[in-house]
């Protein structure tokens, strides 16, 4: 039984009263279609779907081996969005829920194989809380370091807060030990920020210095954070021996990649975050603004 690329003859766009509008579906695709792939995962671990290399909008269906429908869910621009249903082999509805931004909302119902409700609850209609990212940059002049951090909303980068610190008598730079110079600067910024608000931290450096995963600045910072807050390294250059720990991210029309590494989350998640940040050029807008503020008026 196959429904690959059929026009959707039915509607699964019913929604509970008061809920956000559901995706208007046009296409149905079989989960096991070879052209249908999981391109990555979002921060909450939810899948990002593509069909023939493009973000998929439509209805996804997965079938039991006997051809009966097992799962049906709607998807918007690659992300699960709207109604999701699971079925028993006899065709009886087993579960029904609603998802937006990897977040359950509205009613959640489970049935047994005879059709009797065995669980019923309601998640309400509140959207996910904002995820705040802290990006930090440091500029050195004379024997001083100017440290700047920007805390911004991942879903609305115009919501941001800047923090500035100056340090004197900084450590001399030694190849392979860059963290000894920059880490104290970053920690001064962290003293000014409520870390309970911070979902992840970005640094202009690498997490690892080699393929053996010896820590660079990003890894050392993660240790200082008791391994609790994910760290993403966003660098414009790479080391000769750390290519297995980074992912190249090309943005806009630039032919030069950003070299992304991470700890506390997969490098694929980190690369996706950098790829989707606001801005048409190689460096995301908020990181470019951070760089400008770090180097200004010194």
C-alpha atoms as a PDB file:
ATOM      1  CA  UNK A   1       0.000   0.000   0.000  1.00  0.00           C
ATOM      2  CA  UNK A   2       1.520   3.320  -1.031  1.00  0.00           C
ATOM      3  CA  UNK A   3       0.269   6.890  -0.938  1.00  0.00           C
ATOM      4  CA  UNK A   4       3.453   8.659  -1.995  1.00  0.00           C
ATOM      5  CA  UNK A   5       2.743  12.127  -3.387  1.00  0.00           C
ATOM      6  CA  UNK A   6      -1.039  11.678  -3.655  1.00  0.00           C
ATOM      7  CA  UNK A   7      -3.214  14.746  -3.441  1.00  0.00           C
ATOM      8  CA  UNK A   8      -4.671  14.688   0.042  1.00  0.00           C
ATOM      9  CA  UNK A   9      -8.317  13.598  -0.363  1.00  0.00           C
ATOM     10  CA  UNK A  10      -9.155  14.031   3.285  1.00  0.00           C
ATOM     11  CA  UNK A  11      -8.706  16.628   5.983  1.00  0.00           C
ATOM     12  CA  UNK A  12      -6.852  16.083   9.208  1.00  0.00           C
ATOM     13  CA  UNK A  13      -6.795  19.806   9.875  1.00  0.00           C
ATOM     14  CA  UNK A  14      -9.502  19.796  12.545  1.00  0.00           C
ATOM     15  CA  UNK A  15      -8.261  21.552  15.675  1.00  0.00           C
ATOM     16  CA  UNK A  16      -9.500  22.199  19.195  1.00  0.00           C
ATOM     17  CA  UNK A  17     -11.256  25.505  19.677  1.00  0.00           C
ATOM     18  CA  UNK A  18      -8.802  28.239  20.641  1.00  0.00           C
ATOM     19  CA  UNK A  19      -5.708  26.387  19.412  1.00  0.00           C
ATOM     20  CA  UNK A  20      -3.208  27.902  16.945  1.00  0.00           C
ATOM     21  CA  UNK A  21      -4.126  27.413  13.275  1.00  0.00           C
ATOM     22  CA  UNK A  22      -2.949  24.112  11.815  1.00  0.00           C
ATOM     23  CA  UNK A  23      -0.916  23.634   8.673  1.00  0.00           C
ATOM     24  CA  UNK A  24      -2.915  23.527   5.437  1.00  0.00           C
ATOM     25  CA  UNK A  25      -1.795  20.254   3.936  1.00  0.00           C
ATOM     26  CA  UNK A  26      -1.365  19.587   0.203  1.00  0.00           C
ATOM     27  CA  UNK A  27       0.664  16.423  -0.025  1.00  0.00           C
ATOM     28  CA  UNK A  28       0.853  12.996   1.531  1.00  0.00           C
ATOM     29  CA  UNK A  29       4.159  11.131   1.688  1.00  0.00           C
ATOM     30  CA  UNK A  30       5.040   7.655   2.911  1.00  0.00           C
ATOM     31  CA  UNK A  31       7.556   7.741   5.769  1.00  0.00           C
ATOM     32  CA  UNK A  32       9.569   4.986   4.051  1.00  0.00           C
ATOM     33  CA  UNK A  33       9.779   6.749   0.694  1.00  0.00           C
ATOM     34  CA  UNK A  34      13.542   6.835  -0.111  1.00  0.00           C
ATOM     35  CA  UNK A  35      13.236  10.513  -1.087  1.00  0.00           C
ATOM     36  CA  UNK A  36      11.848  11.339   2.358  1.00  0.00           C
ATOM     37  CA  UNK A  37      14.630  11.885   4.896  1.00  0.00           C
ATOM     38  CA  UNK A  38      15.376  13.241   8.357  1.00  0.00           C
ATOM     39  CA  UNK A  39      17.777  16.122   7.717  1.00  0.00           C
ATOM     40  CA  UNK A  40      18.544  16.760  11.370  1.00  0.00           C
ATOM     41  CA  UNK A  41      17.037  17.464  14.754  1.00  0.00           C
ATOM     42  CA  UNK A  42      15.906  20.623  16.485  1.00  0.00           C
ATOM     43  CA  UNK A  43      16.959  21.657  19.978  1.00  0.00           C
ATOM     44  CA  UNK A  44      14.244  19.625  21.598  1.00  0.00           C
ATOM     45  CA  UNK A  45      15.274  16.498  19.722  1.00  0.00           C
ATOM     46  CA  UNK A  46      12.396  16.717  17.252  1.00  0.00           C
ATOM     47  CA  UNK A  47      13.063  15.626  13.634  1.00  0.00           C
ATOM     48  CA  UNK A  48      13.480  17.984  10.681  1.00  0.00           C
ATOM     49  CA  UNK A  49      11.996  16.352   7.571  1.00  0.00           C
ATOM     50  CA  UNK A  50      12.954  16.834   3.926  1.00  0.00           C
ATOM     51  CA  UNK A  51      11.501  15.468   0.695  1.00  0.00           C
ATOM     52  CA  UNK A  52      13.879  15.384  -2.290  1.00  0.00           C
ATOM     53  CA  UNK A  53      16.236  17.716  -0.451  1.00  0.00           C
ATOM     54  CA  UNK A  54      13.654  20.360   0.432  1.00  0.00           C
ATOM     55  CA  UNK A  55      11.807  21.025   3.669  1.00  0.00           C
ATOM     56  CA  UNK A  56       8.561  19.077   3.589  1.00  0.00           C
ATOM     57  CA  UNK A  57       5.094  20.527   4.156  1.00  0.00           C
ATOM     58  CA  UNK A  58       2.249  18.042   4.116  1.00  0.00           C
ATOM     59  CA  UNK A  59       1.086  14.842   5.768  1.00  0.00           C
ATOM     60  CA  UNK A  60       3.406  11.998   6.728  1.00  0.00           C
ATOM     61  CA  UNK A  61       2.079   8.466   6.961  1.00  0.00           C
ATOM     62  CA  UNK A  62       3.768   5.310   8.252  1.00  0.00           C
ATOM     63  CA  UNK A  63       2.260   1.847   7.738  1.00  0.00           C
ATOM     64  CA  UNK A  64       2.356  -1.547   9.423  1.00  0.00           C
ATOM     65  CA  UNK A  65       3.789  -4.427   7.373  1.00  0.00           C
ATOM     66  CA  UNK A  66       0.253  -5.568   6.507  1.00  0.00           C
ATOM     67  CA  UNK A  67      -0.413  -2.168   4.881  1.00  0.00           C
ATOM     68  CA  UNK A  68      -2.656  -0.744   7.565  1.00  0.00           C
ATOM     69  CA  UNK A  69      -2.075   2.837   8.656  1.00  0.00           C
ATOM     70  CA  UNK A  70       0.056   3.187  11.803  1.00  0.00           C
ATOM     71  CA  UNK A  71       0.935   6.868  12.203  1.00  0.00           C
ATOM     72  CA  UNK A  72      -0.261  10.056  10.539  1.00  0.00           C
ATOM     73  CA  UNK A  73       1.100  13.516  11.299  1.00  0.00           C
ATOM     74  CA  UNK A  74       1.199  16.947   9.709  1.00  0.00           C
ATOM     75  CA  UNK A  75       4.371  18.858   8.959  1.00  0.00           C
ATOM     76  CA  UNK A  76       5.216  22.496   8.164  1.00  0.00           C
ATOM     77  CA  UNK A  77       8.508  23.471   6.475  1.00  0.00           C
ATOM     78  CA  UNK A  78      10.177  20.359   7.839  1.00  0.00           C
ATOM     79  CA  UNK A  79       8.852  20.488  11.402  1.00  0.00           C
ATOM     80  CA  UNK A  80       6.015  18.424  12.904  1.00  0.00           C
ATOM     81  CA  UNK A  81       3.144  20.879  13.224  1.00  0.00           C
ATOM     82  CA  UNK A  82      -0.492  20.272  14.074  1.00  0.00           C
ATOM     83  CA  UNK A  83      -2.356  17.006  14.450  1.00  0.00           C
ATOM     84  CA  UNK A  84      -0.669  13.634  15.037  1.00  0.00           C
ATOM     85  CA  UNK A  85      -2.575  10.340  15.162  1.00  0.00           C
ATOM     86  CA  UNK A  86      -1.537   6.782  15.916  1.00  0.00           C
ATOM     87  CA  UNK A  87      -3.610   3.691  15.010  1.00  0.00           C
ATOM     88  CA  UNK A  88      -3.929   0.032  15.974  1.00  0.00           C
ATOM     89  CA  UNK A  89      -3.690  -2.613  13.266  1.00  0.00           C
ATOM     90  CA  UNK A  90      -7.485  -3.018  13.345  1.00  0.00           C
ATOM     91  CA  UNK A  91      -7.867   0.628  12.266  1.00  0.00           C
ATOM     92  CA  UNK A  92      -8.933   1.889  15.677  1.00  0.00           C
ATOM     93  CA  UNK A  93      -7.493   5.254  16.657  1.00  0.00           C
ATOM     94  CA  UNK A  94      -4.904   4.722  19.422  1.00  0.00           C
ATOM     95  CA  UNK A  95      -3.667   8.226  20.183  1.00  0.00           C
ATOM     96  CA  UNK A  96      -4.285  11.816  19.141  1.00  0.00           C
ATOM     97  CA  UNK A  97      -2.257  14.910  20.007  1.00  0.00           C
ATOM     98  CA  UNK A  98      -1.231  18.319  18.698  1.00  0.00           C
ATOM     99  CA  UNK A  99       2.305  19.721  18.282  1.00  0.00           C
ATOM    100  CA  UNK A 100       3.796  23.108  17.460  1.00  0.00           C
ATOM    101  CA  UNK A 101       7.501  24.039  17.666  1.00  0.00           C
ATOM    102  CA  UNK A 102       8.200  20.607  19.197  1.00  0.00           C
ATOM    103  CA  UNK A 103       5.700  21.519  21.914  1.00  0.00           C
ATOM    104  CA  UNK A 104       2.475  19.704  22.764  1.00  0.00           C
ATOM    105  CA  UNK A 105      -0.670  21.783  23.041  1.00  0.00           C
ATOM    106  CA  UNK A 106      -4.385  21.166  23.328  1.00  0.00           C
ATOM    107  CA  UNK A 107      -6.050  17.829  24.099  1.00  0.00           C
ATOM    108  CA  UNK A 108      -4.181  14.530  24.316  1.00  0.00           C
ATOM    109  CA  UNK A 109      -6.264  11.341  24.111  1.00  0.00           C
ATOM    110  CA  UNK A 110      -5.464   7.607  24.109  1.00  0.00           C
ATOM    111  CA  UNK A 111      -7.876   4.746  23.299  1.00  0.00           C
ATOM    112  CA  UNK A 112      -7.694   0.978  23.703  1.00  0.00           C
ATOM    113  CA  UNK A 113      -8.238  -1.344  20.749  1.00  0.00           C
ATOM    114  CA  UNK A 114     -11.974  -1.453  21.357  1.00  0.00           C
ATOM    115  CA  UNK A 115     -12.298   2.338  21.171  1.00  0.00           C
ATOM    116  CA  UNK A 116     -12.631   3.069  24.893  1.00  0.00           C
ATOM    117  CA  UNK A 117     -10.737   6.120  26.167  1.00  0.00           C
ATOM    118  CA  UNK A 118      -7.970   5.102  28.555  1.00  0.00           C
ATOM    119  CA  UNK A 119      -6.275   8.485  29.028  1.00  0.00           C
ATOM    120  CA  UNK A 120      -7.334  12.068  28.448  1.00  0.00           C
ATOM    121  CA  UNK A 121      -5.517  15.299  29.298  1.00  0.00           C
ATOM    122  CA  UNK A 122      -5.009  18.830  28.002  1.00  0.00           C
ATOM    123  CA  UNK A 123      -1.726  20.687  27.569  1.00  0.00           C
ATOM    124  CA  UNK A 124      -3.407  24.069  27.011  1.00  0.00           C
ATOM    125  CA  UNK A 125      -2.404  26.446  24.251  1.00  0.00           C
ATOM    126  CA  UNK A 126       0.693  28.261  25.537  1.00  0.00           C
ATOM    127  CA  UNK A 127       3.625  28.420  23.114  1.00  0.00           C
ATOM    128  CA  UNK A 128       7.134  27.272  24.084  1.00  0.00           C
ATOM    129  CA  UNK A 129       9.150  29.584  26.285  1.00  0.00           C
ATOM    130  CA  UNK A 130      11.820  31.658  24.567  1.00  0.00           C
ATOM    131  CA  UNK A 131      15.224  30.037  24.244  1.00  0.00           C
ATOM    132  CA  UNK A 132      17.957  32.538  25.083  1.00  0.00           C
ATOM    133  CA  UNK A 133      21.425  32.214  23.580  1.00  0.00           C
ATOM    134  CA  UNK A 134      24.475  33.971  25.000  1.00  0.00           C
ATOM    135  CA  UNK A 135      27.173  34.830  22.442  1.00  0.00           C
ATOM    136  CA  UNK A 136      30.507  36.172  23.696  1.00  0.00           C
ATOM    137  CA  UNK A 137      33.392  37.858  21.897  1.00  0.00           C
ATOM    138  CA  UNK A 138      36.690  39.324  23.098  1.00  0.00           C
ATOM    139  CA  UNK A 139      38.931  41.980  21.531  1.00  0.00           C
ATOM    140  CA  UNK A 140      42.522  42.546  22.655  1.00  0.00           C
ATOM    141  CA  UNK A 141      44.426  45.821  22.532  1.00  0.00           C
ATOM    142  CA  UNK A 142      47.613  46.829  24.340  1.00  0.00           C
ATOM    143  CA  UNK A 143      47.438  44.752  27.526  1.00  0.00           C
ATOM    144  CA  UNK A 144      43.657  44.938  27.835  1.00  0.00           C
ATOM    145  CA  UNK A 145      40.759  42.730  26.795  1.00  0.00           C
ATOM    146  CA  UNK A 146      37.325  44.105  25.998  1.00  0.00           C
ATOM    147  CA  UNK A 147      34.727  41.380  26.576  1.00  0.00           C
ATOM    148  CA  UNK A 148      31.196  41.707  25.195  1.00  0.00           C
ATOM    149  CA  UNK A 149      28.275  39.322  25.513  1.00  0.00           C
ATOM    150  CA  UNK A 150      24.872  39.469  23.869  1.00  0.00           C
ATOM    151  CA  UNK A 151      21.941  37.504  25.251  1.00  0.00           C
ATOM    152  CA  UNK A 152      19.312  37.109  22.545  1.00  0.00           C
ATOM    153  CA  UNK A 153      16.069  35.285  21.918  1.00  0.00           C
ATOM    154  CA  UNK A 154      16.630  32.468  19.449  1.00  0.00           C
ATOM    155  CA  UNK A 155      13.175  33.039  17.949  1.00  0.00           C
ATOM    156  CA  UNK A 156      13.443  36.843  17.842  1.00  0.00           C
ATOM    157  CA  UNK A 157      17.013  38.135  17.731  1.00  0.00           C
ATOM    158  CA  UNK A 158      15.804  41.753  18.029  1.00  0.00           C
ATOM    159  CA  UNK A 159      15.163  40.922  21.680  1.00  0.00           C
ATOM    160  CA  UNK A 160      18.699  41.192  23.061  1.00  0.00           C
ATOM    161  CA  UNK A 161      20.783  42.474  25.956  1.00  0.00           C
ATOM    162  CA  UNK A 162      24.479  43.460  25.812  1.00  0.00           C
ATOM    163  CA  UNK A 163      27.044  43.095  28.597  1.00  0.00           C
ATOM    164  CA  UNK A 164      30.543  44.624  28.614  1.00  0.00           C
ATOM    165  CA  UNK A 165      33.625  43.995  30.769  1.00  0.00           C
ATOM    166  CA  UNK A 166      37.282  45.092  30.593  1.00  0.00           C
ATOM    167  CA  UNK A 167      40.239  43.093  31.908  1.00  0.00           C
ATOM    168  CA  UNK A 168      43.786  44.324  32.317  1.00  0.00           C
ATOM    169  CA  UNK A 169      47.052  42.390  32.541  1.00  0.00           C
ATOM    170  CA  UNK A 170      45.751  39.499  30.488  1.00  0.00           C
ATOM    171  CA  UNK A 171      47.623  36.255  29.917  1.00  0.00           C
ATOM    172  CA  UNK A 172      50.141  36.076  27.104  1.00  0.00           C
ATOM    173  CA  UNK A 173      49.002  33.997  24.126  1.00  0.00           C
ATOM    174  CA  UNK A 174      50.606  30.581  23.628  1.00  0.00           C
ATOM    175  CA  UNK A 175      49.732  28.353  20.644  1.00  0.00           C
ATOM    176  CA  UNK A 176      47.390  25.535  21.685  1.00  0.00           C
ATOM    177  CA  UNK A 177      46.540  27.268  24.974  1.00  0.00           C
ATOM    178  CA  UNK A 178      44.327  30.092  23.743  1.00  0.00           C
ATOM    179  CA  UNK A 179      41.754  29.255  26.413  1.00  0.00           C
ATOM    180  CA  UNK A 180      44.123  30.417  29.171  1.00  0.00           C
ATOM    181  CA  UNK A 181      43.900  33.917  27.731  1.00  0.00           C
ATOM    182  CA  UNK A 182      40.234  34.116  26.755  1.00  0.00           C
ATOM    183  CA  UNK A 183      38.440  31.959  29.325  1.00  0.00           C
ATOM    184  CA  UNK A 184      38.896  34.434  32.219  1.00  0.00           C
ATOM    185  CA  UNK A 185      37.328  37.121  30.006  1.00  0.00           C
ATOM    186  CA  UNK A 186      34.314  34.961  29.242  1.00  0.00           C
ATOM    187  CA  UNK A 187      33.848  34.070  32.901  1.00  0.00           C
ATOM    188  CA  UNK A 188      33.689  37.803  33.752  1.00  0.00           C
ATOM    189  CA  UNK A 189      30.748  38.164  31.378  1.00  0.00           C
ATOM    190  CA  UNK A 190      29.056  35.107  32.871  1.00  0.00           C
ATOM    191  CA  UNK A 191      29.172  36.788  36.290  1.00  0.00           C
ATOM    192  CA  UNK A 192      26.814  39.462  34.926  1.00  0.00           C
ATOM    193  CA  UNK A 193      24.285  37.083  33.379  1.00  0.00           C
ATOM    194  CA  UNK A 194      21.546  35.029  35.020  1.00  0.00           C
ATOM    195  CA  UNK A 195      22.628  31.625  33.709  1.00  0.00           C
ATOM    196  CA  UNK A 196      19.203  30.158  34.476  1.00  0.00           C
ATOM    197  CA  UNK A 197      17.994  32.071  31.420  1.00  0.00           C
ATOM    198  CA  UNK A 198      20.754  30.787  29.134  1.00  0.00           C
ATOM    199  CA  UNK A 199      19.889  27.844  26.900  1.00  0.00           C
ATOM    200  CA  UNK A 200      23.292  27.699  25.175  1.00  0.00           C
ATOM    201  CA  UNK A 201      26.492  29.713  24.738  1.00  0.00           C
ATOM    202  CA  UNK A 202      28.348  30.617  21.534  1.00  0.00           C
ATOM    203  CA  UNK A 203      32.044  31.475  21.388  1.00  0.00           C
ATOM    204  CA  UNK A 204      34.267  32.665  18.567  1.00  0.00           C
ATOM    205  CA  UNK A 205      36.517  29.627  18.741  1.00  0.00           C
ATOM    206  CA  UNK A 206      36.525  25.818  18.665  1.00  0.00           C
ATOM    207  CA  UNK A 207      35.246  23.264  21.168  1.00  0.00           C
ATOM    208  CA  UNK A 208      38.037  20.806  20.336  1.00  0.00           C
ATOM    209  CA  UNK A 209      41.587  21.409  19.140  1.00  0.00           C
ATOM    210  CA  UNK A 210      42.013  18.012  17.503  1.00  0.00           C
ATOM    211  CA  UNK A 211      40.218  14.872  16.344  1.00  0.00           C
ATOM    212  CA  UNK A 212      40.976  13.192  19.676  1.00  0.00           C
ATOM    213  CA  UNK A 213      38.526  15.676  21.243  1.00  0.00           C
ATOM    214  CA  UNK A 214      41.050  17.423  23.434  1.00  0.00           C
ATOM    215  CA  UNK A 215      39.316  20.548  24.647  1.00  0.00           C
ATOM    216  CA  UNK A 216      39.819  23.961  23.155  1.00  0.00           C
ATOM    217  CA  UNK A 217      38.179  27.111  24.508  1.00  0.00           C
ATOM    218  CA  UNK A 218      34.621  25.803  24.045  1.00  0.00           C
ATOM    219  CA  UNK A 219      35.327  22.538  25.860  1.00  0.00           C
ATOM    220  CA  UNK A 220      37.116  24.290  28.709  1.00  0.00           C
ATOM    221  CA  UNK A 221      34.175  26.650  29.097  1.00  0.00           C
ATOM    222  CA  UNK A 222      31.773  23.700  29.203  1.00  0.00           C
ATOM    223  CA  UNK A 223      33.805  22.243  32.066  1.00  0.00           C
ATOM    224  CA  UNK A 224      33.587  25.538  33.935  1.00  0.00           C
ATOM    225  CA  UNK A 225      29.811  25.381  33.524  1.00  0.00           C
ATOM    226  CA  UNK A 226      29.745  21.937  35.178  1.00  0.00           C
ATOM    227  CA  UNK A 227      28.800  20.442  31.791  1.00  0.00           C
ATOM    228  CA  UNK A 228      25.268  21.845  32.164  1.00  0.00           C
ATOM    229  CA  UNK A 229      24.964  24.453  29.363  1.00  0.00           C
ATOM    230  CA  UNK A 230      25.688  23.449  25.742  1.00  0.00           C
ATOM    231  CA  UNK A 231      28.498  25.360  24.048  1.00  0.00           C
ATOM    232  CA  UNK A 232      28.776  26.053  20.316  1.00  0.00           C
ATOM    233  CA  UNK A 233      32.034  27.100  18.721  1.00  0.00           C
ATOM    234  CA  UNK A 234      31.699  29.316  15.641  1.00  0.00           C
ATOM    235  CA  UNK A 235      35.069  29.921  13.992  1.00  0.00           C
ATOM    236  CA  UNK A 236      36.162  31.500  10.710  1.00  0.00           C
ATOM    237  CA  UNK A 237      39.264  29.320  10.483  1.00  0.00           C
ATOM    238  CA  UNK A 238      39.990  25.712  11.373  1.00  0.00           C
ATOM    239  CA  UNK A 239      42.803  23.725  12.884  1.00  0.00           C
ATOM    240  CA  UNK A 240      44.698  21.211  10.778  1.00  0.00           C
ATOM    241  CA  UNK A 241      43.838  18.335  13.107  1.00  0.00           C
ATOM    242  CA  UNK A 242      40.226  18.907  14.192  1.00  0.00           C
ATOM    243  CA  UNK A 243      38.288  18.364  10.953  1.00  0.00           C
ATOM    244  CA  UNK A 244      36.437  15.345  12.360  1.00  0.00           C
ATOM    245  CA  UNK A 245      34.964  17.419  15.194  1.00  0.00           C
ATOM    246  CA  UNK A 246      33.586  20.313  13.156  1.00  0.00           C
ATOM    247  CA  UNK A 247      30.919  20.863  10.536  1.00  0.00           C
ATOM    248  CA  UNK A 248      31.273  23.384   7.744  1.00  0.00           C
ATOM    249  CA  UNK A 249      28.304  25.738   7.456  1.00  0.00           C
ATOM    250  CA  UNK A 250      27.843  27.799   4.304  1.00  0.00           C
ATOM    251  CA  UNK A 251      25.525  30.782   4.649  1.00  0.00           C
ATOM    252  CA  UNK A 252      24.166  33.117   2.012  1.00  0.00           C
ATOM    253  CA  UNK A 253      26.255  33.188  -1.131  1.00  0.00           C
ATOM    254  CA  UNK A 254      29.578  32.982   0.689  1.00  0.00           C
ATOM    255  CA  UNK A 255      32.007  30.364  -0.578  1.00  0.00           C
ATOM    256  CA  UNK A 256      33.814  30.393   2.760  1.00  0.00           C
ATOM    257  CA  UNK A 257      32.256  28.299   5.525  1.00  0.00           C
ATOM    258  CA  UNK A 258      31.944  28.867   9.227  1.00  0.00           C
ATOM    259  CA  UNK A 259      33.492  26.015  11.200  1.00  0.00           C
ATOM    260  CA  UNK A 260      30.978  24.882  13.800  1.00  0.00           C
ATOM    261  CA  UNK A 261      31.670  22.585  16.738  1.00  0.00           C
ATOM    262  CA  UNK A 262      29.682  21.807  19.856  1.00  0.00           C
ATOM    263  CA  UNK A 263      29.502  20.048  23.180  1.00  0.00           C
ATOM    264  CA  UNK A 264      26.332  19.301  25.112  1.00  0.00           C
ATOM    265  CA  UNK A 265      24.440  18.923  21.811  1.00  0.00           C
ATOM    266  CA  UNK A 266      25.219  17.273  18.490  1.00  0.00           C
ATOM    267  CA  UNK A 267      27.251  19.176  15.936  1.00  0.00           C
ATOM    268  CA  UNK A 268      24.357  18.700  13.498  1.00  0.00           C
ATOM    269  CA  UNK A 269      22.012  20.563  15.851  1.00  0.00           C
ATOM    270  CA  UNK A 270      24.596  23.295  16.315  1.00  0.00           C
ATOM    271  CA  UNK A 271      25.126  23.638  12.570  1.00  0.00           C
ATOM    272  CA  UNK A 272      21.394  23.893  12.002  1.00  0.00           C
ATOM    273  CA  UNK A 273      21.130  26.701  14.552  1.00  0.00           C
ATOM    274  CA  UNK A 274      23.896  28.672  12.840  1.00  0.00           C
ATOM    275  CA  UNK A 275      22.425  27.994   9.404  1.00  0.00           C
ATOM    276  CA  UNK A 276      18.999  29.329  10.374  1.00  0.00           C
ATOM    277  CA  UNK A 277      20.133  32.436  12.252  1.00  0.00           C
ATOM    278  CA  UNK A 278      19.004  35.771  10.834  1.00  0.00           C
ATOM    279  CA  UNK A 279      21.183  37.331   8.143  1.00  0.00           C
ATOM    280  CA  UNK A 280      21.946  36.990   4.443  1.00  0.00           C
ATOM    281  CA  UNK A 281      25.710  36.761   4.736  1.00  0.00           C
ATOM    282  CA  UNK A 282      28.375  34.397   6.008  1.00  0.00           C
ATOM    283  CA  UNK A 283      28.217  35.698   9.583  1.00  0.00           C
ATOM    284  CA  UNK A 284      24.753  35.867  11.221  1.00  0.00           C
ATOM    285  CA  UNK A 285      23.532  39.420  11.864  1.00  0.00           C
ATOM    286  CA  UNK A 286      23.584  39.184  15.650  1.00  0.00           C
ATOM    287  CA  UNK A 287      27.152  37.822  15.671  1.00  0.00           C
ATOM    288  CA  UNK A 288      28.274  40.552  13.275  1.00  0.00           C
ATOM    289  CA  UNK A 289      26.723  43.178  15.569  1.00  0.00           C
ATOM    290  CA  UNK A 290      28.494  41.580  18.520  1.00  0.00           C
ATOM    291  CA  UNK A 291      31.816  41.794  16.676  1.00  0.00           C
ATOM    292  CA  UNK A 292      31.236  45.472  15.873  1.00  0.00           C
ATOM    293  CA  UNK A 293      30.392  46.356  19.457  1.00  0.00           C
ATOM    294  CA  UNK A 294      33.402  44.427  20.739  1.00  0.00           C
ATOM    295  CA  UNK A 295      35.801  46.363  18.509  1.00  0.00           C
ATOM    296  CA  UNK A 296      34.165  49.779  18.828  1.00  0.00           C
ATOM    297  CA  UNK A 297      35.423  52.650  21.018  1.00  0.00           C
ATOM    298  CA  UNK A 298      38.512  50.880  22.334  1.00  0.00           C
END
